[in-house]
Amino acid sequence: WNTHDKFGELLAAGITLYFGGQGLINLAMVCGLFPVVGVPLPF
């Protein structure tokens, strides 16, 4: 939100979604809320 050029703004948002999305899918998978699909938990 604090990035002034649109490319940087979208890139920062995309990377945040990359970490957050994979984390959410992995946790949902391990907790049985999602089928086992083989998505790693970042770091």
All heavy atoms as atom14 arrays in JSON, in Angstrom:
{
  "sequence": "WNTHDKFGELLAAGITLYFGGQGLINLAMVCGLFPVVGVPLPF",
  "atom14_mask": [
    [1, 1, 1, 1, 1, 1, 1, 1, 1, 1, 1, 1, 1, 1],
    [1, 1, 1, 1, 1, 1, 1, 1, 0, 0, 0, 0, 0, 0],
    [1, 1, 1, 1, 1, 1, 1, 0, 0, 0, 0, 0, 0, 0],
    [1, 1, 1, 1, 1, 1, 1, 1, 1, 1, 0, 0, 0, 0],
    [1, 1, 1, 1, 1, 1, 1, 1, 0, 0, 0, 0, 0, 0],
    [1, 1, 1, 1, 1, 1, 1, 1, 1, 0, 0, 0, 0, 0],
    [1, 1, 1, 1, 1, 1, 1, 1, 1, 1, 1, 0, 0, 0],
    [1, 1, 1, 1, 0, 0, 0, 0, 0, 0, 0, 0, 0, 0],
    [1, 1, 1, 1, 1, 1, 1, 1, 1, 0, 0, 0, 0, 0],
    [1, 1, 1, 1, 1, 1, 1, 1, 0, 0, 0, 0, 0, 0],
    [1, 1, 1, 1, 1, 1, 1, 1, 0, 0, 0, 0, 0, 0],
    [1, 1, 1, 1, 1, 0, 0, 0, 0, 0, 0, 0, 0, 0],
    [1, 1, 1, 1, 1, 0, 0, 0, 0, 0, 0, 0, 0, 0],
    [1, 1, 1, 1, 0, 0, 0, 0, 0, 0, 0, 0, 0, 0],
    [1, 1, 1, 1, 1, 1, 1, 1, 0, 0, 0, 0, 0, 0],
    [1, 1, 1, 1, 1, 1, 1, 0, 0, 0, 0, 0, 0, 0],
    [1, 1, 1, 1, 1, 1, 1, 1, 0, 0, 0, 0, 0, 0],
    [1, 1, 1, 1, 1, 1, 1, 1, 1, 1, 1, 1, 0, 0],
    [1, 1, 1, 1, 1, 1, 1, 1, 1, 1, 1, 0, 0, 0],
    [1, 1, 1, 1, 0, 0, 0, 0, 0, 0, 0, 0, 0, 0],
    [1, 1, 1, 1, 0, 0, 0, 0, 0, 0, 0, 0, 0, 0],
    [1, 1, 1, 1, 1, 1, 1, 1, 1, 0, 0, 0, 0, 0],
    [1, 1, 1, 1, 0, 0, 0, 0, 0, 0, 0, 0, 0, 0],
    [1, 1, 1, 1, 1, 1, 1, 1, 0, 0, 0, 0, 0, 0],
    [1, 1, 1, 1, 1, 1, 1, 1, 0, 0, 0, 0, 0, 0],
    [1, 1, 1, 1, 1, 1, 1, 1, 0, 0, 0, 0, 0, 0],
    [1, 1, 1, 1, 1, 1, 1, 1, 0, 0, 0, 0, 0, 0],
    [1, 1, 1, 1, 1, 0, 0, 0, 0, 0, 0, 0, 0, 0],
    [1, 1, 1, 1, 1, 1, 1, 1, 0, 0, 0, 0, 0, 0],
    [1, 1, 1, 1, 1, 1, 1, 0, 0, 0, 0, 0, 0, 0],
    [1, 1, 1, 1, 1, 1, 0, 0, 0, 0, 0, 0, 0, 0],
    [1, 1, 1, 1, 0, 0, 0, 0, 0, 0, 0, 0, 0, 0],
    [1, 1, 1, 1, 1, 1, 1, 1, 0, 0, 0, 0, 0, 0],
    [1, 1, 1, 1, 1, 1, 1, 1, 1, 1, 1, 0, 0, 0],
    [1, 1, 1, 1, 1, 1, 1, 0, 0, 0, 0, 0, 0, 0],
    [1, 1, 1, 1, 1, 1, 1, 0, 0, 0, 0, 0, 0, 0],
    [1, 1, 1, 1, 1, 1, 1, 0, 0, 0, 0, 0, 0, 0],
    [1, 1, 1, 1, 0, 0, 0, 0, 0, 0, 0, 0, 0, 0],
    [1, 1, 1, 1, 1, 1, 1, 0, 0, 0, 0, 0, 0, 0],
    [1, 1, 1, 1, 1, 1, 1, 0, 0, 0, 0, 0, 0, 0],
    [1, 1, 1, 1, 1, 1, 1, 1, 0, 0, 0, 0, 0, 0],
    [1, 1, 1, 1, 1, 1, 1, 0, 0, 0, 0, 0, 0, 0],
    [1, 1, 1, 1, 1, 1, 1, 1, 1, 1, 1, 0, 0, 0]
  ],
  "atom14_positions": [
    [[0.81, -1.22, 0.0], [0.0, 0.0, 0.0], [0.85, 1.27, 0.0], [0.41, 2.31, -0.47], [-0.93, 0.01, 1.22], [-1.97, -1.06, 1.18], [-2.56, -1.59, 0.07], [-2.53, -1.76, 2.29], [-3.45, -2.58, 0.42], [-3.46, -2.71, 1.78], [-2.35, -1.68, 3.68], [-4.2, -3.56, 2.59], [-3.09, -2.53, 4.49], [-4.0, -3.46, 3.95]],
    [[2.06, 1.17, 0.52], [2.93, 2.35, 0.6], [3.9, 2.45, -0.57], [4.78, 3.32, -0.56], [3.72, 2.32, 1.92], [2.86, 2.71, 3.11], [2.36, 3.82, 3.2], [2.66, 1.77, 4.01], [0.0, 0.0, 0.0], [0.0, 0.0, 0.0], [0.0, 0.0, 0.0], [0.0, 0.0, 0.0], [0.0, 0.0, 0.0], [0.0, 0.0, 0.0]],
    [[3.76, 1.57, -1.56], [4.62, 1.62, -2.74], [4.0, 2.54, -3.78], [2.81, 2.41, -4.09], [4.82, 0.2, -3.32], [5.31, -0.66, -2.29], [5.81, 0.22, -4.47], [0.0, 0.0, 0.0], [0.0, 0.0, 0.0], [0.0, 0.0, 0.0], [0.0, 0.0, 0.0], [0.0, 0.0, 0.0], [0.0, 0.0, 0.0], [0.0, 0.0, 0.0]],
    [[4.79, 3.43, -4.34], [4.25, 4.47, -5.21], [4.08, 4.01, -6.66], [3.21, 4.51, -7.37], [5.14, 5.71, -5.16], [5.19, 6.34, -3.81], [4.1, 6.99, -3.26], [6.17, 6.4, -2.88], [4.42, 7.44, -2.05], [5.67, 7.09, -1.8], [0.0, 0.0, 0.0], [0.0, 0.0, 0.0], [0.0, 0.0, 0.0], [0.0, 0.0, 0.0]],
    [[4.89, 3.06, -7.13], [4.7, 2.58, -8.5], [3.86, 1.29, -8.47], [3.97, 0.48, -7.54], [6.04, 2.33, -9.19], [6.81, 1.16, -8.57], [7.24, 1.3, -7.4], [6.95, 0.13, -9.23], [0.0, 0.0, 0.0], [0.0, 0.0, 0.0], [0.0, 0.0, 0.0], [0.0, 0.0, 0.0], [0.0, 0.0, 0.0], [0.0, 0.0, 0.0]],
    [[3.01, 1.12, -9.47], [2.06, 0.02, -9.48], [2.74, -1.34, -9.59], [2.26, -2.33, -9.03], [1.07, 0.2, -10.64], [0.11, 1.37, -10.45], [-0.74, 1.19, -9.21], [-1.71, 2.33, -8.99], [-2.49, 2.15, -7.74], [0.0, 0.0, 0.0], [0.0, 0.0, 0.0], [0.0, 0.0, 0.0], [0.0, 0.0, 0.0], [0.0, 0.0, 0.0]],
    [[3.85, -1.41, -10.33], [4.54, -2.7, -10.44], [5.04, -3.15, -9.07], [4.85, -4.3, -8.67], [5.72, -2.59, -11.41], [6.55, -3.85, -11.48], [6.07, -4.99, -12.11], [7.81, -3.89, -10.89], [6.84, -6.16, -12.15], [8.58, -5.05, -10.93], [8.09, -6.17, -11.57], [0.0, 0.0, 0.0], [0.0, 0.0, 0.0], [0.0, 0.0, 0.0]],
    [[5.68, -2.25, -8.33], [6.15, -2.59, -6.99], [5.02, -2.94, -6.05], [5.12, -3.85, -5.23], [0.0, 0.0, 0.0], [0.0, 0.0, 0.0], [0.0, 0.0, 0.0], [0.0, 0.0, 0.0], [0.0, 0.0, 0.0], [0.0, 0.0, 0.0], [0.0, 0.0, 0.0], [0.0, 0.0, 0.0], [0.0, 0.0, 0.0], [0.0, 0.0, 0.0]],
    [[3.92, -2.2, -6.17], [2.75, -2.46, -5.33], [2.2, -3.87, -5.57], [1.95, -4.63, -4.62], [1.67, -1.42, -5.62], [0.39, -1.61, -4.84], [-0.68, -0.6, -5.23], [-0.31, 0.47, -5.76], [-1.86, -0.87, -5.0], [0.0, 0.0, 0.0], [0.0, 0.0, 0.0], [0.0, 0.0, 0.0], [0.0, 0.0, 0.0], [0.0, 0.0, 0.0]],
    [[2.04, -4.22, -6.84], [1.5, -5.54, -7.18], [2.49, -6.65, -6.85], [2.11, -7.74, -6.42], [1.13, -5.59, -8.66], [-0.11, -4.79, -9.05], [-0.17, -4.61, -10.56], [-1.37, -5.5, -8.56], [0.0, 0.0, 0.0], [0.0, 0.0, 0.0], [0.0, 0.0, 0.0], [0.0, 0.0, 0.0], [0.0, 0.0, 0.0], [0.0, 0.0, 0.0]],
    [[3.77, -6.37, -7.05], [4.8, -7.37, -6.74], [4.82, -7.66, -5.24], [4.88, -8.83, -4.82], [6.16, -6.87, -7.21], [7.35, -7.82, -7.07], [7.08, -9.13, -7.8], [8.62, -7.17, -7.59], [0.0, 0.0, 0.0], [0.0, 0.0, 0.0], [0.0, 0.0, 0.0], [0.0, 0.0, 0.0], [0.0, 0.0, 0.0], [0.0, 0.0, 0.0]],
    [[4.77, -6.62, -4.41], [4.74, -6.81, -2.96], [3.49, -7.57, -2.53], [3.55, -8.48, -1.69], [4.82, -5.46, -2.26], [0.0, 0.0, 0.0], [0.0, 0.0, 0.0], [0.0, 0.0, 0.0], [0.0, 0.0, 0.0], [0.0, 0.0, 0.0], [0.0, 0.0, 0.0], [0.0, 0.0, 0.0], [0.0, 0.0, 0.0], [0.0, 0.0, 0.0]],
    [[2.34, -7.21, -3.12], [1.09, -7.91, -2.79], [1.15, -9.37, -3.23], [0.71, -10.27, -2.5], [-0.09, -7.21, -3.45], [0.0, 0.0, 0.0], [0.0, 0.0, 0.0], [0.0, 0.0, 0.0], [0.0, 0.0, 0.0], [0.0, 0.0, 0.0], [0.0, 0.0, 0.0], [0.0, 0.0, 0.0], [0.0, 0.0, 0.0], [0.0, 0.0, 0.0]],
    [[1.71, -9.62, -4.43], [1.81, -10.98, -4.93], [2.7, -11.84, -4.06], [2.39, -13.02, -3.77], [0.0, 0.0, 0.0], [0.0, 0.0, 0.0], [0.0, 0.0, 0.0], [0.0, 0.0, 0.0], [0.0, 0.0, 0.0], [0.0, 0.0, 0.0], [0.0, 0.0, 0.0], [0.0, 0.0, 0.0], [0.0, 0.0, 0.0], [0.0, 0.0, 0.0]],
    [[3.83, -11.31, -3.61], [4.74, -12.07, -2.75], [4.09, -12.34, -1.4], [4.23, -13.43, -0.84], [6.07, -11.3, -2.58], [6.83, -11.27, -3.92], [6.94, -11.95, -1.51], [8.04, -10.36, -3.92], [0.0, 0.0, 0.0], [0.0, 0.0, 0.0], [0.0, 0.0, 0.0], [0.0, 0.0, 0.0], [0.0, 0.0, 0.0], [0.0, 0.0, 0.0]],
    [[3.36, -11.37, -0.88], [2.64, -11.57, 0.38], [1.6, -12.68, 0.23], [1.44, -13.54, 1.11], [1.96, -10.27, 0.83], [2.95, -9.24, 0.95], [1.27, -10.44, 2.16], [0.0, 0.0, 0.0], [0.0, 0.0, 0.0], [0.0, 0.0, 0.0], [0.0, 0.0, 0.0], [0.0, 0.0, 0.0], [0.0, 0.0, 0.0], [0.0, 0.0, 0.0]],
    [[0.88, -12.67, -0.9], [-0.08, -13.74, -1.18], [0.61, -15.09, -1.34], [0.06, -16.13, -0.97], [-0.87, -13.4, -2.46], [-1.88, -12.26, -2.34], [-2.31, -11.8, -3.73], [-3.08, -12.69, -1.53], [0.0, 0.0, 0.0], [0.0, 0.0, 0.0], [0.0, 0.0, 0.0], [0.0, 0.0, 0.0], [0.0, 0.0, 0.0], [0.0, 0.0, 0.0]],
    [[1.8, -15.07, -1.89], [2.6, -16.29, -2.08], [2.88, -16.96, -0.74], [2.67, -18.16, -0.55], [3.89, -15.93, -2.81], [4.99, -16.96, -2.76], [4.99, -18.06, -3.62], [6.06, -16.83, -1.87], [6.02, -19.0, -3.58], [7.08, -17.76, -1.84], [7.06, -18.84, -2.69], [8.08, -19.75, -2.65], [0.0, 0.0, 0.0], [0.0, 0.0, 0.0]],
    [[3.37, -16.18, 0.22], [3.66, -16.74, 1.54], [2.38, -17.06, 2.3], [2.24, -18.15, 2.88], [4.52, -15.76, 2.34], [5.95, -15.7, 1.89], [6.47, -14.54, 1.32], [6.79, -16.79, 2.03], [7.78, -14.48, 0.9], [8.11, -16.74, 1.61], [8.61, -15.59, 1.05], [0.0, 0.0, 0.0], [0.0, 0.0, 0.0], [0.0, 0.0, 0.0]],
    [[1.44, -16.12, 2.3], [0.2, -16.33, 3.05], [-0.66, -17.44, 2.47], [-1.22, -18.26, 3.22], [0.0, 0.0, 0.0], [0.0, 0.0, 0.0], [0.0, 0.0, 0.0], [0.0, 0.0, 0.0], [0.0, 0.0, 0.0], [0.0, 0.0, 0.0], [0.0, 0.0, 0.0], [0.0, 0.0, 0.0], [0.0, 0.0, 0.0], [0.0, 0.0, 0.0]],
    [[-0.78, -17.49, 1.14], [-1.6, -18.51, 0.5], [-1.07, -19.91, 0.72], [-1.82, -20.83, 1.06], [0.0, 0.0, 0.0], [0.0, 0.0, 0.0], [0.0, 0.0, 0.0], [0.0, 0.0, 0.0], [0.0, 0.0, 0.0], [0.0, 0.0, 0.0], [0.0, 0.0, 0.0], [0.0, 0.0, 0.0], [0.0, 0.0, 0.0], [0.0, 0.0, 0.0]],
    [[0.24, -20.09, 0.54], [0.83, -21.41, 0.76], [0.72, -21.82, 2.23], [0.45, -22.99, 2.54], [2.3, -21.42, 0.34], [2.5, -21.41, -1.16], [3.93, -21.77, -1.53], [4.18, -22.79, -2.15], [4.87, -20.93, -1.15], [0.0, 0.0, 0.0], [0.0, 0.0, 0.0], [0.0, 0.0, 0.0], [0.0, 0.0, 0.0], [0.0, 0.0, 0.0]],
    [[0.94, -20.85, 3.12], [0.81, -21.16, 4.53], [-0.59, -21.61, 4.9], [-0.78, -22.6, 5.63], [0.0, 0.0, 0.0], [0.0, 0.0, 0.0], [0.0, 0.0, 0.0], [0.0, 0.0, 0.0], [0.0, 0.0, 0.0], [0.0, 0.0, 0.0], [0.0, 0.0, 0.0], [0.0, 0.0, 0.0], [0.0, 0.0, 0.0], [0.0, 0.0, 0.0]],
    [[-1.59, -20.91, 4.36], [-2.99, -21.25, 4.65], [-3.34, -22.62, 4.1], [-3.98, -23.43, 4.79], [-3.91, -20.19, 4.05], [-5.41, -20.37, 4.27], [-5.73, -20.31, 5.75], [-6.2, -19.31, 3.52], [0.0, 0.0, 0.0], [0.0, 0.0, 0.0], [0.0, 0.0, 0.0], [0.0, 0.0, 0.0], [0.0, 0.0, 0.0], [0.0, 0.0, 0.0]],
    [[-2.93, -22.91, 2.86], [-3.24, -24.21, 2.26], [-2.59, -25.34, 3.04], [-3.19, -26.38, 3.31], [-2.81, -24.24, 0.78], [-3.66, -23.28, -0.05], [-2.92, -25.65, 0.21], [-3.19, -23.11, -1.48], [0.0, 0.0, 0.0], [0.0, 0.0, 0.0], [0.0, 0.0, 0.0], [0.0, 0.0, 0.0], [0.0, 0.0, 0.0], [0.0, 0.0, 0.0]],
    [[-1.31, -25.16, 3.41], [-0.61, -26.22, 4.15], [-1.26, -26.47, 5.5], [-1.48, -27.63, 5.88], [0.86, -25.84, 4.32], [1.64, -26.89, 5.1], [1.67, -26.87, 6.33], [2.25, -27.81, 4.38], [0.0, 0.0, 0.0], [0.0, 0.0, 0.0], [0.0, 0.0, 0.0], [0.0, 0.0, 0.0], [0.0, 0.0, 0.0], [0.0, 0.0, 0.0]],
    [[-1.56, -25.42, 6.24], [-2.16, -25.59, 7.56], [-3.55, -26.23, 7.45], [-3.9, -27.09, 8.26], [-2.26, -24.24, 8.28], [-0.92, -23.6, 8.66], [-1.14, -22.21, 9.23], [-0.17, -24.47, 9.65], [0.0, 0.0, 0.0], [0.0, 0.0, 0.0], [0.0, 0.0, 0.0], [0.0, 0.0, 0.0], [0.0, 0.0, 0.0], [0.0, 0.0, 0.0]],
    [[-4.32, -25.82, 6.44], [-5.64, -26.43, 6.22], [-5.5, -27.9, 5.87], [-6.29, -28.74, 6.31], [-6.38, -25.68, 5.12], [0.0, 0.0, 0.0], [0.0, 0.0, 0.0], [0.0, 0.0, 0.0], [0.0, 0.0, 0.0], [0.0, 0.0, 0.0], [0.0, 0.0, 0.0], [0.0, 0.0, 0.0], [0.0, 0.0, 0.0], [0.0, 0.0, 0.0]],
    [[-4.46, -28.24, 5.1], [-4.22, -29.64, 4.71], [-3.84, -30.49, 5.93], [-4.4, -31.57, 6.14], [-3.09, -29.66, 3.68], [-2.66, -31.03, 3.23], [-1.2, -30.91, 2.15], [0.09, -30.59, 3.37], [0.0, 0.0, 0.0], [0.0, 0.0, 0.0], [0.0, 0.0, 0.0], [0.0, 0.0, 0.0], [0.0, 0.0, 0.0], [0.0, 0.0, 0.0]],
    [[-2.92, -30.0, 6.74], [-2.47, -30.76, 7.91], [-3.59, -30.91, 8.93], [-3.7, -31.94, 9.6], [-1.24, -30.07, 8.55], [-0.82, -30.79, 9.83], [-0.07, -30.04, 7.57], [0.0, 0.0, 0.0], [0.0, 0.0, 0.0], [0.0, 0.0, 0.0], [0.0, 0.0, 0.0], [0.0, 0.0, 0.0], [0.0, 0.0, 0.0], [0.0, 0.0, 0.0]],
    [[-4.45, -29.9, 9.04], [-5.55, -29.94, 10.0], [-6.79, -30.65, 9.45], [-7.84, -30.69, 10.13], [-5.92, -28.53, 10.44], [-4.6, -27.69, 11.37], [0.0, 0.0, 0.0], [0.0, 0.0, 0.0], [0.0, 0.0, 0.0], [0.0, 0.0, 0.0], [0.0, 0.0, 0.0], [0.0, 0.0, 0.0], [0.0, 0.0, 0.0], [0.0, 0.0, 0.0]],
    [[-6.71, -31.18, 8.23], [-7.81, -31.95, 7.67], [-8.91, -31.13, 7.03], [-9.95, -31.68, 6.66], [0.0, 0.0, 0.0], [0.0, 0.0, 0.0], [0.0, 0.0, 0.0], [0.0, 0.0, 0.0], [0.0, 0.0, 0.0], [0.0, 0.0, 0.0], [0.0, 0.0, 0.0], [0.0, 0.0, 0.0], [0.0, 0.0, 0.0], [0.0, 0.0, 0.0]],
    [[-8.69, -29.82, 6.87], [-9.7, -28.97, 6.24], [-9.57, -28.96, 4.72], [-10.42, -28.42, 4.03], [-9.58, -27.54, 6.77], [-9.73, -27.37, 8.28], [-9.48, -25.93, 8.68], [-11.12, -27.83, 8.73], [0.0, 0.0, 0.0], [0.0, 0.0, 0.0], [0.0, 0.0, 0.0], [0.0, 0.0, 0.0], [0.0, 0.0, 0.0], [0.0, 0.0, 0.0]],
    [[-8.49, -29.54, 4.22], [-8.2, -29.55, 2.79], [-7.54, -30.89, 2.47], [-6.83, -31.44, 3.31], [-7.26, -28.38, 2.45], [-7.31, -27.94, 1.02], [-8.37, -27.17, 0.56], [-6.31, -28.28, 0.13], [-8.42, -26.75, -0.76], [-6.35, -27.87, -1.2], [-7.41, -27.1, -1.63], [0.0, 0.0, 0.0], [0.0, 0.0, 0.0], [0.0, 0.0, 0.0]],
    [[-7.79, -31.45, 1.28], [-7.13, -32.72, 0.94], [-5.61, -32.59, 0.95], [-5.07, -31.49, 0.79], [-7.65, -33.01, -0.48], [-8.9, -32.21, -0.62], [-8.7, -30.99, 0.22], [0.0, 0.0, 0.0], [0.0, 0.0, 0.0], [0.0, 0.0, 0.0], [0.0, 0.0, 0.0], [0.0, 0.0, 0.0], [0.0, 0.0, 0.0], [0.0, 0.0, 0.0]],
    [[-4.92, -33.7, 1.13], [-3.46, -33.71, 1.11], [-3.0, -33.47, -0.32], [-3.19, -34.31, -1.2], [-2.91, -35.04, 1.65], [-1.38, -35.05, 1.58], [-3.37, -35.27, 3.08], [0.0, 0.0, 0.0], [0.0, 0.0, 0.0], [0.0, 0.0, 0.0], [0.0, 0.0, 0.0], [0.0, 0.0, 0.0], [0.0, 0.0, 0.0], [0.0, 0.0, 0.0]],
    [[-2.4, -32.29, -0.55], [-2.03, -31.91, -1.92], [-0.55, -31.58, -2.07], [-0.08, -31.26, -3.15], [-2.86, -30.69, -2.4], [-4.31, -31.08, -2.61], [-2.76, -29.53, -1.41], [0.0, 0.0, 0.0], [0.0, 0.0, 0.0], [0.0, 0.0, 0.0], [0.0, 0.0, 0.0], [0.0, 0.0, 0.0], [0.0, 0.0, 0.0], [0.0, 0.0, 0.0]],
    [[0.21, -31.64, -1.0], [1.65, -31.48, -1.12], [2.14, -30.06, -1.3], [3.03, -29.81, -2.11], [0.0, 0.0, 0.0], [0.0, 0.0, 0.0], [0.0, 0.0, 0.0], [0.0, 0.0, 0.0], [0.0, 0.0, 0.0], [0.0, 0.0, 0.0], [0.0, 0.0, 0.0], [0.0, 0.0, 0.0], [0.0, 0.0, 0.0], [0.0, 0.0, 0.0]],
    [[1.56, -29.12, -0.56], [2.03, -27.72, -0.59], [2.86, -27.48, 0.66], [2.38, -27.7, 1.77], [0.84, -26.74, -0.64], [1.32, -25.29, -0.52], [0.06, -26.92, -1.93], [0.0, 0.0, 0.0], [0.0, 0.0, 0.0], [0.0, 0.0, 0.0], [0.0, 0.0, 0.0], [0.0, 0.0, 0.0], [0.0, 0.0, 0.0], [0.0, 0.0, 0.0]],
    [[4.11, -27.02, 0.53], [4.97, -26.84, 1.71], [4.58, -25.61, 2.51], [3.97, -24.66, 2.0], [6.37, -26.67, 1.09], [6.11, -26.08, -0.27], [4.81, -26.7, -0.73], [0.0, 0.0, 0.0], [0.0, 0.0, 0.0], [0.0, 0.0, 0.0], [0.0, 0.0, 0.0], [0.0, 0.0, 0.0], [0.0, 0.0, 0.0], [0.0, 0.0, 0.0]],
    [[4.96, -25.63, 3.78], [4.78, -24.47, 4.66], [6.05, -23.63, 4.58], [7.12, -24.09, 4.96], [4.54, -24.94, 6.09], [4.2, -23.89, 7.14], [2.95, -23.1, 6.74], [4.01, -24.53, 8.51], [0.0, 0.0, 0.0], [0.0, 0.0, 0.0], [0.0, 0.0, 0.0], [0.0, 0.0, 0.0], [0.0, 0.0, 0.0], [0.0, 0.0, 0.0]],
    [[5.96, -22.41, 4.03], [7.18, -21.61, 3.79], [8.09, -21.5, 5.0], [7.63, -21.17, 6.1], [6.62, -20.23, 3.39], [5.28, -20.54, 2.79], [4.76, -21.68, 3.61], [0.0, 0.0, 0.0], [0.0, 0.0, 0.0], [0.0, 0.0, 0.0], [0.0, 0.0, 0.0], [0.0, 0.0, 0.0], [0.0, 0.0, 0.0], [0.0, 0.0, 0.0]],
    [[9.37, -21.8, 4.79], [10.44, -21.73, 5.78], [10.35, -22.8, 6.86], [11.32, -23.03, 7.58], [10.51, -20.35, 6.44], [10.99, -19.27, 5.52], [10.11, -18.28, 5.07], [12.29, -19.23, 5.09], [10.55, -17.29, 4.22], [12.74, -18.24, 4.23], [11.87, -17.26, 3.79], [0.0, 0.0, 0.0], [0.0, 0.0, 0.0], [0.0, 0.0, 0.0]]
  ]
}
